[in-house]
């Protein structure tokens, strides 16, 4: 396990060919008895098969931010699917609703796993995707989702959690974690007590998982989302965008993907 404390400006590495064009598709798929709305993005500059990446949204639901990240991954040469964990593209406009939606999913992990696996199928079946190379990233609620999929032994090459929830009632079993893990955490995130961080590191060490934990100094919860300042002010929550941590964590994800793929 590697733990890194990092601060410093790091430019986004995303660059696409001048002739490239990002293609997008609206997908509808079902799993766990729920119909879900997905958004898939890929670069049509090449016909080569490429890794697929699932993007799991924040507790607000499958919103434009999740789709933005899917597009950014497409610009890096991946095929990305922004998933819908709530069903029917359901969105929350208030933290109370967001908390209720996310709690309903996390309170039934069998259903959550079914919804996640249902999203993997169209991604891996897409003609641009190499089904043998798949990863998942998630934000806040979504970070917790991808960590739980790793705990449950879902066949992924890697997962990346950005300011994700770390606690669990279903800790990983020894030898049960297949993907490598990258946890990008705000060092000043008041939503995550030190006890949860320590517990995650202990859990993954005992499970024999490949965990890299990076804490970004000065960053609080939701540090990658430019709308965090607005949400924090509107709902009196300790949320804030942190440009340096956002860009640095995105670059760290790219290095991680190069390693696992």
C-alpha atoms as a PDB file:
ATOM      1  CA  UNK A   1       0.000   0.000   0.000  1.00  0.00           C
ATOM      2  CA  UNK A   2       1.227   3.475  -0.898  1.00  0.00           C
ATOM      3  CA  UNK A   3       0.084   6.620   0.890  1.00  0.00           C
ATOM      4  CA  UNK A   4       0.950   9.960  -0.668  1.00  0.00           C
ATOM      5  CA  UNK A   5       0.400  13.485   0.568  1.00  0.00           C
ATOM      6  CA  UNK A   6       0.520  15.791  -2.393  1.00  0.00           C
ATOM      7  CA  UNK A   7       0.269  19.470  -3.209  1.00  0.00           C
ATOM      8  CA  UNK A   8       1.365  21.205  -6.375  1.00  0.00           C
ATOM      9  CA  UNK A   9       0.079  22.308  -9.716  1.00  0.00           C
ATOM     10  CA  UNK A  10      -0.232  19.609 -12.338  1.00  0.00           C
ATOM     11  CA  UNK A  11      -1.702  20.341 -15.744  1.00  0.00           C
ATOM     12  CA  UNK A  12      -4.343  18.155 -17.288  1.00  0.00           C
ATOM     13  CA  UNK A  13      -2.825  15.716 -19.708  1.00  0.00           C
ATOM     14  CA  UNK A  14      -5.897  15.387 -21.883  1.00  0.00           C
ATOM     15  CA  UNK A  15      -5.128  16.002 -25.512  1.00  0.00           C
ATOM     16  CA  UNK A  16      -6.925  14.815 -28.600  1.00  0.00           C
ATOM     17  CA  UNK A  17      -6.092  14.782 -32.262  1.00  0.00           C
ATOM     18  CA  UNK A  18      -7.207  17.770 -34.266  1.00  0.00           C
ATOM     19  CA  UNK A  19      -9.213  15.435 -36.496  1.00  0.00           C
ATOM     20  CA  UNK A  20     -10.769  13.540 -33.597  1.00  0.00           C
ATOM     21  CA  UNK A  21     -14.382  13.942 -32.648  1.00  0.00           C
ATOM     22  CA  UNK A  22     -16.026  12.768 -29.446  1.00  0.00           C
ATOM     23  CA  UNK A  23     -19.093  10.676 -30.143  1.00  0.00           C
ATOM     24  CA  UNK A  24     -21.808  10.227 -27.533  1.00  0.00           C
ATOM     25  CA  UNK A  25     -24.702   7.826 -27.128  1.00  0.00           C
ATOM     26  CA  UNK A  26     -27.704   7.752 -24.823  1.00  0.00           C
ATOM     27  CA  UNK A  27     -28.173   4.233 -23.452  1.00  0.00           C
ATOM     28  CA  UNK A  28     -31.031   2.576 -21.620  1.00  0.00           C
ATOM     29  CA  UNK A  29     -30.274  -0.628 -19.757  1.00  0.00           C
ATOM     30  CA  UNK A  30     -31.840  -2.652 -16.950  1.00  0.00           C
ATOM     31  CA  UNK A  31     -30.534  -4.375 -13.838  1.00  0.00           C
ATOM     32  CA  UNK A  32     -31.829  -5.287 -10.421  1.00  0.00           C
ATOM     33  CA  UNK A  33     -35.383  -4.681 -11.611  1.00  0.00           C
ATOM     34  CA  UNK A  34     -34.651  -1.036 -12.496  1.00  0.00           C
ATOM     35  CA  UNK A  35     -34.383   0.747 -15.864  1.00  0.00           C
ATOM     36  CA  UNK A  36     -31.363   3.046 -15.986  1.00  0.00           C
ATOM     37  CA  UNK A  37     -30.175   5.844 -18.251  1.00  0.00           C
ATOM     38  CA  UNK A  38     -26.531   5.887 -19.310  1.00  0.00           C
ATOM     39  CA  UNK A  39     -24.355   8.247 -21.333  1.00  0.00           C
ATOM     40  CA  UNK A  40     -21.495   6.782 -23.359  1.00  0.00           C
ATOM     41  CA  UNK A  41     -18.620   8.748 -24.929  1.00  0.00           C
ATOM     42  CA  UNK A  42     -15.705   7.745 -27.153  1.00  0.00           C
ATOM     43  CA  UNK A  43     -13.251   9.245 -29.626  1.00  0.00           C
ATOM     44  CA  UNK A  44     -13.807   8.171 -33.244  1.00  0.00           C
ATOM     45  CA  UNK A  45     -10.243   9.055 -34.327  1.00  0.00           C
ATOM     46  CA  UNK A  46      -9.283   5.380 -34.204  1.00  0.00           C
ATOM     47  CA  UNK A  47     -10.926   2.008 -34.677  1.00  0.00           C
ATOM     48  CA  UNK A  48      -8.607   0.407 -32.130  1.00  0.00           C
ATOM     49  CA  UNK A  49     -10.185  -1.349 -29.183  1.00  0.00           C
ATOM     50  CA  UNK A  50      -9.601   0.595 -25.992  1.00  0.00           C
ATOM     51  CA  UNK A  51     -10.239   0.177 -22.241  1.00  0.00           C
ATOM     52  CA  UNK A  52     -13.708   0.991 -20.959  1.00  0.00           C
ATOM     53  CA  UNK A  53     -14.300   3.119 -17.888  1.00  0.00           C
ATOM     54  CA  UNK A  54     -17.489   3.374 -15.835  1.00  0.00           C
ATOM     55  CA  UNK A  55     -18.184   6.764 -14.216  1.00  0.00           C
ATOM     56  CA  UNK A  56     -20.345   6.680 -11.086  1.00  0.00           C
ATOM     57  CA  UNK A  57     -22.025   9.937 -10.160  1.00  0.00           C
ATOM     58  CA  UNK A  58     -22.146  11.950  -6.937  1.00  0.00           C
ATOM     59  CA  UNK A  59     -25.116  11.669  -4.608  1.00  0.00           C
ATOM     60  CA  UNK A  60     -26.983  14.223  -6.758  1.00  0.00           C
ATOM     61  CA  UNK A  61     -27.476  11.537  -9.412  1.00  0.00           C
ATOM     62  CA  UNK A  62     -26.610  11.113 -13.088  1.00  0.00           C
ATOM     63  CA  UNK A  63     -26.100  14.795 -13.864  1.00  0.00           C
ATOM     64  CA  UNK A  64     -24.076  16.857 -16.374  1.00  0.00           C
ATOM     65  CA  UNK A  65     -20.979  16.603 -14.170  1.00  0.00           C
ATOM     66  CA  UNK A  66     -20.820  12.818 -14.554  1.00  0.00           C
ATOM     67  CA  UNK A  67     -21.275  13.219 -18.302  1.00  0.00           C
ATOM     68  CA  UNK A  68     -18.515  15.815 -18.427  1.00  0.00           C
ATOM     69  CA  UNK A  69     -16.112  13.346 -16.849  1.00  0.00           C
ATOM     70  CA  UNK A  70     -17.137  10.673 -19.368  1.00  0.00           C
ATOM     71  CA  UNK A  71     -16.310  13.102 -22.187  1.00  0.00           C
ATOM     72  CA  UNK A  72     -12.953  13.898 -20.592  1.00  0.00           C
ATOM     73  CA  UNK A  73     -12.127  10.204 -20.428  1.00  0.00           C
ATOM     74  CA  UNK A  74     -13.083   9.859 -24.099  1.00  0.00           C
ATOM     75  CA  UNK A  75     -10.646  12.660 -24.901  1.00  0.00           C
ATOM     76  CA  UNK A  76      -7.944  10.573 -23.213  1.00  0.00           C
ATOM     77  CA  UNK A  77      -8.677   7.647 -25.523  1.00  0.00           C
ATOM     78  CA  UNK A  78     -11.055   5.565 -23.390  1.00  0.00           C
ATOM     79  CA  UNK A  79     -14.657   4.592 -23.965  1.00  0.00           C
ATOM     80  CA  UNK A  80     -16.520   5.873 -20.927  1.00  0.00           C
ATOM     81  CA  UNK A  81     -20.024   5.245 -19.639  1.00  0.00           C
ATOM     82  CA  UNK A  82     -21.584   7.581 -17.092  1.00  0.00           C
ATOM     83  CA  UNK A  83     -23.862   5.212 -15.207  1.00  0.00           C
ATOM     84  CA  UNK A  84     -27.178   5.717 -13.447  1.00  0.00           C
ATOM     85  CA  UNK A  85     -27.265   4.099 -10.001  1.00  0.00           C
ATOM     86  CA  UNK A  86     -30.645   5.550  -9.007  1.00  0.00           C
ATOM     87  CA  UNK A  87     -32.691   4.468 -12.018  1.00  0.00           C
ATOM     88  CA  UNK A  88     -34.564   6.387 -14.711  1.00  0.00           C
ATOM     89  CA  UNK A  89     -31.979   9.182 -14.596  1.00  0.00           C
ATOM     90  CA  UNK A  90     -33.383  10.339 -11.253  1.00  0.00           C
ATOM     91  CA  UNK A  91     -31.806  13.530  -9.884  1.00  0.00           C
ATOM     92  CA  UNK A  92     -31.826  15.208  -6.476  1.00  0.00           C
ATOM     93  CA  UNK A  93     -32.076  18.966  -6.054  1.00  0.00           C
ATOM     94  CA  UNK A  94     -31.698  19.002  -2.263  1.00  0.00           C
ATOM     95  CA  UNK A  95     -29.274  17.168   0.063  1.00  0.00           C
ATOM     96  CA  UNK A  96     -32.215  15.512   1.842  1.00  0.00           C
ATOM     97  CA  UNK A  97     -33.304  13.870  -1.401  1.00  0.00           C
ATOM     98  CA  UNK A  98     -29.725  13.054  -2.360  1.00  0.00           C
ATOM     99  CA  UNK A  99     -29.167  11.440   1.017  1.00  0.00           C
ATOM    100  CA  UNK A 100     -32.348   9.396   0.682  1.00  0.00           C
ATOM    101  CA  UNK A 101     -31.478   8.222  -2.854  1.00  0.00           C
ATOM    102  CA  UNK A 102     -27.903   7.293  -1.975  1.00  0.00           C
ATOM    103  CA  UNK A 103     -28.875   5.584   1.287  1.00  0.00           C
ATOM    104  CA  UNK A 104     -31.442   3.469  -0.528  1.00  0.00           C
ATOM    105  CA  UNK A 105     -28.757   2.203  -2.906  1.00  0.00           C
ATOM    106  CA  UNK A 106     -26.057   1.668  -0.285  1.00  0.00           C
ATOM    107  CA  UNK A 107     -28.558   0.014   2.029  1.00  0.00           C
ATOM    108  CA  UNK A 108     -29.131  -2.786  -0.471  1.00  0.00           C
ATOM    109  CA  UNK A 109     -25.715  -3.740  -1.752  1.00  0.00           C
ATOM    110  CA  UNK A 110     -26.979  -6.770  -3.673  1.00  0.00           C
ATOM    111  CA  UNK A 111     -29.148  -4.442  -5.747  1.00  0.00           C
ATOM    112  CA  UNK A 112     -26.309  -1.920  -6.050  1.00  0.00           C
ATOM    113  CA  UNK A 113     -24.005  -4.614  -7.400  1.00  0.00           C
ATOM    114  CA  UNK A 114     -26.678  -5.744  -9.876  1.00  0.00           C
ATOM    115  CA  UNK A 115     -27.078  -2.183 -11.157  1.00  0.00           C
ATOM    116  CA  UNK A 116     -23.315  -1.757 -11.498  1.00  0.00           C
ATOM    117  CA  UNK A 117     -22.884  -5.063 -13.346  1.00  0.00           C
ATOM    118  CA  UNK A 118     -25.791  -4.125 -15.614  1.00  0.00           C
ATOM    119  CA  UNK A 119     -23.862  -1.011 -16.657  1.00  0.00           C
ATOM    120  CA  UNK A 120     -20.718  -3.029 -17.358  1.00  0.00           C
ATOM    121  CA  UNK A 121     -22.491  -5.118 -20.011  1.00  0.00           C
ATOM    122  CA  UNK A 122     -23.207  -2.399 -22.619  1.00  0.00           C
ATOM    123  CA  UNK A 123     -19.820  -0.806 -21.992  1.00  0.00           C
ATOM    124  CA  UNK A 124     -17.908  -4.031 -22.569  1.00  0.00           C
ATOM    125  CA  UNK A 125     -20.122  -4.957 -25.531  1.00  0.00           C
ATOM    126  CA  UNK A 126     -19.548  -1.645 -27.322  1.00  0.00           C
ATOM    127  CA  UNK A 127     -17.564  -2.083 -30.551  1.00  0.00           C
ATOM    128  CA  UNK A 128     -14.911   0.426 -29.467  1.00  0.00           C
ATOM    129  CA  UNK A 129     -14.180  -1.326 -26.179  1.00  0.00           C
ATOM    130  CA  UNK A 130     -11.749  -4.067 -25.222  1.00  0.00           C
ATOM    131  CA  UNK A 131     -13.887  -6.070 -22.756  1.00  0.00           C
ATOM    132  CA  UNK A 132     -10.771  -7.454 -21.086  1.00  0.00           C
ATOM    133  CA  UNK A 133      -9.740  -3.981 -19.888  1.00  0.00           C
ATOM    134  CA  UNK A 134     -12.256  -2.240 -17.650  1.00  0.00           C
ATOM    135  CA  UNK A 135     -12.002   0.253 -14.811  1.00  0.00           C
ATOM    136  CA  UNK A 136     -14.386   2.409 -12.798  1.00  0.00           C
ATOM    137  CA  UNK A 137     -14.171   5.841 -11.239  1.00  0.00           C
ATOM    138  CA  UNK A 138     -16.581   7.484  -8.836  1.00  0.00           C
ATOM    139  CA  UNK A 139     -17.218  10.762  -7.073  1.00  0.00           C
ATOM    140  CA  UNK A 140     -18.436  11.109  -3.460  1.00  0.00           C
ATOM    141  CA  UNK A 141     -21.286   8.557  -3.363  1.00  0.00           C
ATOM    142  CA  UNK A 142     -19.841   7.095  -6.555  1.00  0.00           C
ATOM    143  CA  UNK A 143     -16.436   6.731  -4.950  1.00  0.00           C
ATOM    144  CA  UNK A 144     -18.037   4.625  -2.256  1.00  0.00           C
ATOM    145  CA  UNK A 145     -19.814   2.561  -4.907  1.00  0.00           C
ATOM    146  CA  UNK A 146     -16.644   1.693  -6.828  1.00  0.00           C
ATOM    147  CA  UNK A 147     -14.792   0.821  -3.616  1.00  0.00           C
ATOM    148  CA  UNK A 148     -17.615  -1.522  -2.682  1.00  0.00           C
ATOM    149  CA  UNK A 149     -17.523  -3.155  -6.107  1.00  0.00           C
ATOM    150  CA  UNK A 150     -13.834  -3.819  -5.471  1.00  0.00           C
ATOM    151  CA  UNK A 151     -14.690  -5.257  -2.054  1.00  0.00           C
ATOM    152  CA  UNK A 152     -17.208  -7.579  -3.701  1.00  0.00           C
ATOM    153  CA  UNK A 153     -14.621  -8.927  -6.123  1.00  0.00           C
ATOM    154  CA  UNK A 154     -16.086  -7.437  -9.307  1.00  0.00           C
ATOM    155  CA  UNK A 155     -13.776  -8.202 -12.229  1.00  0.00           C
ATOM    156  CA  UNK A 156     -12.208  -4.794 -12.852  1.00  0.00           C
ATOM    157  CA  UNK A 157      -8.621  -3.814 -13.537  1.00  0.00           C
ATOM    158  CA  UNK A 158      -8.788  -0.763 -11.296  1.00  0.00           C
ATOM    159  CA  UNK A 159     -11.057   1.649  -9.450  1.00  0.00           C
ATOM    160  CA  UNK A 160     -10.525   5.297  -8.590  1.00  0.00           C
ATOM    161  CA  UNK A 161     -12.416   7.061  -5.809  1.00  0.00           C
ATOM    162  CA  UNK A 162     -12.492  10.869  -5.816  1.00  0.00           C
ATOM    163  CA  UNK A 163     -13.513  12.287  -2.418  1.00  0.00           C
ATOM    164  CA  UNK A 164     -15.531   9.112  -1.958  1.00  0.00           C
ATOM    165  CA  UNK A 165     -17.124   7.618   1.128  1.00  0.00           C
ATOM    166  CA  UNK A 166     -14.722   5.140   2.719  1.00  0.00           C
ATOM    167  CA  UNK A 167     -16.714   3.361   5.421  1.00  0.00           C
ATOM    168  CA  UNK A 168     -18.308  -0.049   4.971  1.00  0.00           C
ATOM    169  CA  UNK A 169     -20.410  -2.671   6.698  1.00  0.00           C
ATOM    170  CA  UNK A 170     -19.051  -5.321   4.308  1.00  0.00           C
ATOM    171  CA  UNK A 171     -15.237  -5.235   4.518  1.00  0.00           C
ATOM    172  CA  UNK A 172     -13.142  -6.951   1.891  1.00  0.00           C
ATOM    173  CA  UNK A 173     -12.110 -10.543   2.445  1.00  0.00           C
ATOM    174  CA  UNK A 174      -8.527 -11.712   2.165  1.00  0.00           C
ATOM    175  CA  UNK A 175      -7.668 -12.211  -1.483  1.00  0.00           C
ATOM    176  CA  UNK A 176     -11.087 -11.006  -2.577  1.00  0.00           C
ATOM    177  CA  UNK A 177     -10.149  -7.632  -4.098  1.00  0.00           C
ATOM    178  CA  UNK A 178      -9.311  -8.032  -7.794  1.00  0.00           C
ATOM    179  CA  UNK A 179      -8.757  -4.434  -8.989  1.00  0.00           C
ATOM    180  CA  UNK A 180      -5.976  -2.065  -7.992  1.00  0.00           C
ATOM    181  CA  UNK A 181      -7.289   0.873  -5.972  1.00  0.00           C
ATOM    182  CA  UNK A 182      -6.552   4.589  -6.123  1.00  0.00           C
ATOM    183  CA  UNK A 183      -8.214   6.758  -3.480  1.00  0.00           C
ATOM    184  CA  UNK A 184      -7.983  10.508  -4.116  1.00  0.00           C
ATOM    185  CA  UNK A 185      -8.921  12.200  -0.853  1.00  0.00           C
ATOM    186  CA  UNK A 186      -9.192  15.782   0.337  1.00  0.00           C
ATOM    187  CA  UNK A 187      -6.836  16.127   3.310  1.00  0.00           C
ATOM    188  CA  UNK A 188      -9.260  18.590   4.948  1.00  0.00           C
ATOM    189  CA  UNK A 189     -12.461  16.656   4.183  1.00  0.00           C
ATOM    190  CA  UNK A 190     -14.563  16.967   7.343  1.00  0.00           C
ATOM    191  CA  UNK A 191     -17.009  14.302   6.145  1.00  0.00           C
ATOM    192  CA  UNK A 192     -14.364  11.600   6.544  1.00  0.00           C
ATOM    193  CA  UNK A 193     -12.912  11.065  10.034  1.00  0.00           C
ATOM    194  CA  UNK A 194      -9.368   9.798  10.395  1.00  0.00           C
ATOM    195  CA  UNK A 195     -10.766   6.583  11.840  1.00  0.00           C
ATOM    196  CA  UNK A 196     -12.345   5.740   8.482  1.00  0.00           C
ATOM    197  CA  UNK A 197      -9.100   6.373   6.652  1.00  0.00           C
ATOM    198  CA  UNK A 198      -7.178   4.187   9.074  1.00  0.00           C
ATOM    199  CA  UNK A 199      -9.838   1.483   8.828  1.00  0.00           C
ATOM    200  CA  UNK A 200      -9.725   1.492   5.022  1.00  0.00           C
ATOM    201  CA  UNK A 201      -5.955   1.135   4.966  1.00  0.00           C
ATOM    202  CA  UNK A 202      -6.076  -1.677   7.518  1.00  0.00           C
ATOM    203  CA  UNK A 203      -8.911  -3.427   5.682  1.00  0.00           C
ATOM    204  CA  UNK A 204      -7.145  -3.351   2.333  1.00  0.00           C
ATOM    205  CA  UNK A 205      -3.792  -4.372   3.804  1.00  0.00           C
ATOM    206  CA  UNK A 206      -5.403  -7.404   5.436  1.00  0.00           C
ATOM    207  CA  UNK A 207      -7.201  -8.219   2.174  1.00  0.00           C
ATOM    208  CA  UNK A 208      -3.911  -8.044   0.264  1.00  0.00           C
ATOM    209  CA  UNK A 209      -5.258  -5.305  -2.012  1.00  0.00           C
ATOM    210  CA  UNK A 210      -3.106  -2.948  -4.077  1.00  0.00           C
ATOM    211  CA  UNK A 211      -4.127   0.406  -2.557  1.00  0.00           C
ATOM    212  CA  UNK A 212      -2.682   3.839  -3.274  1.00  0.00           C
ATOM    213  CA  UNK A 213      -4.104   6.544  -1.019  1.00  0.00           C
ATOM    214  CA  UNK A 214      -3.374  10.168  -1.927  1.00  0.00           C
ATOM    215  CA  UNK A 215      -4.346  13.093   0.302  1.00  0.00           C
ATOM    216  CA  UNK A 216      -4.426  16.519  -1.343  1.00  0.00           C
ATOM    217  CA  UNK A 217      -3.541  19.291   1.063  1.00  0.00           C
ATOM    218  CA  UNK A 218      -6.069  22.084   1.449  1.00  0.00           C
ATOM    219  CA  UNK A 219      -8.834  20.147  -0.329  1.00  0.00           C
ATOM    220  CA  UNK A 220     -12.219  19.507   1.267  1.00  0.00           C
ATOM    221  CA  UNK A 221     -15.159  17.380   0.172  1.00  0.00           C
ATOM    222  CA  UNK A 222     -16.216  17.545  -3.502  1.00  0.00           C
ATOM    223  CA  UNK A 223     -12.916  19.206  -4.447  1.00  0.00           C
ATOM    224  CA  UNK A 224     -13.132  18.123  -8.107  1.00  0.00           C
ATOM    225  CA  UNK A 225     -16.527  19.685  -8.866  1.00  0.00           C
ATOM    226  CA  UNK A 226     -16.561  23.372  -9.918  1.00  0.00           C
ATOM    227  CA  UNK A 227     -20.169  23.567  -8.653  1.00  0.00           C
ATOM    228  CA  UNK A 228     -19.105  22.619  -5.122  1.00  0.00           C
ATOM    229  CA  UNK A 229     -18.785  26.252  -4.028  1.00  0.00           C
ATOM    230  CA  UNK A 230     -22.352  26.946  -5.139  1.00  0.00           C
ATOM    231  CA  UNK A 231     -23.718  23.842  -3.415  1.00  0.00           C
ATOM    232  CA  UNK A 232     -21.769  24.569  -0.264  1.00  0.00           C
ATOM    233  CA  UNK A 233     -23.115  28.091  -0.021  1.00  0.00           C
ATOM    234  CA  UNK A 234     -26.695  27.171  -0.943  1.00  0.00           C
ATOM    235  CA  UNK A 235     -26.984  24.299   1.539  1.00  0.00           C
ATOM    236  CA  UNK A 236     -24.452  25.407   4.174  1.00  0.00           C
ATOM    237  CA  UNK A 237     -22.232  22.380   3.618  1.00  0.00           C
ATOM    238  CA  UNK A 238     -18.420  22.133   3.887  1.00  0.00           C
ATOM    239  CA  UNK A 239     -17.919  21.710   0.131  1.00  0.00           C
ATOM    240  CA  UNK A 240     -15.465  23.604  -2.072  1.00  0.00           C
ATOM    241  CA  UNK A 241     -13.784  23.281  -5.428  1.00  0.00           C
ATOM    242  CA  UNK A 242      -9.975  23.071  -5.351  1.00  0.00           C
ATOM    243  CA  UNK A 243      -8.484  23.601  -8.809  1.00  0.00           C
ATOM    244  CA  UNK A 244      -5.012  22.273  -8.028  1.00  0.00           C
ATOM    245  CA  UNK A 245      -6.315  19.151  -6.288  1.00  0.00           C
ATOM    246  CA  UNK A 246      -8.786  18.586  -9.118  1.00  0.00           C
ATOM    247  CA  UNK A 247      -6.153  18.768 -11.838  1.00  0.00           C
ATOM    248  CA  UNK A 248      -3.539  16.849  -9.859  1.00  0.00           C
ATOM    249  CA  UNK A 249      -5.919  14.020  -8.974  1.00  0.00           C
ATOM    250  CA  UNK A 250      -7.003  13.738 -12.621  1.00  0.00           C
ATOM    251  CA  UNK A 251      -3.360  13.440 -13.648  1.00  0.00           C
ATOM    252  CA  UNK A 252      -2.802  10.841 -10.901  1.00  0.00           C
ATOM    253  CA  UNK A 253      -5.733   8.864 -12.320  1.00  0.00           C
ATOM    254  CA  UNK A 254      -4.126   8.945 -15.766  1.00  0.00           C
ATOM    255  CA  UNK A 255      -0.855   7.585 -14.387  1.00  0.00           C
ATOM    256  CA  UNK A 256      -2.793   4.890 -12.552  1.00  0.00           C
ATOM    257  CA  UNK A 257      -4.613   3.879 -15.747  1.00  0.00           C
ATOM    258  CA  UNK A 258      -1.354   3.683 -17.693  1.00  0.00           C
ATOM    259  CA  UNK A 259      -0.042   1.354 -14.999  1.00  0.00           C
ATOM    260  CA  UNK A 260      -3.034  -0.990 -14.834  1.00  0.00           C
ATOM    261  CA  UNK A 261      -3.696  -1.096 -18.589  1.00  0.00           C
END
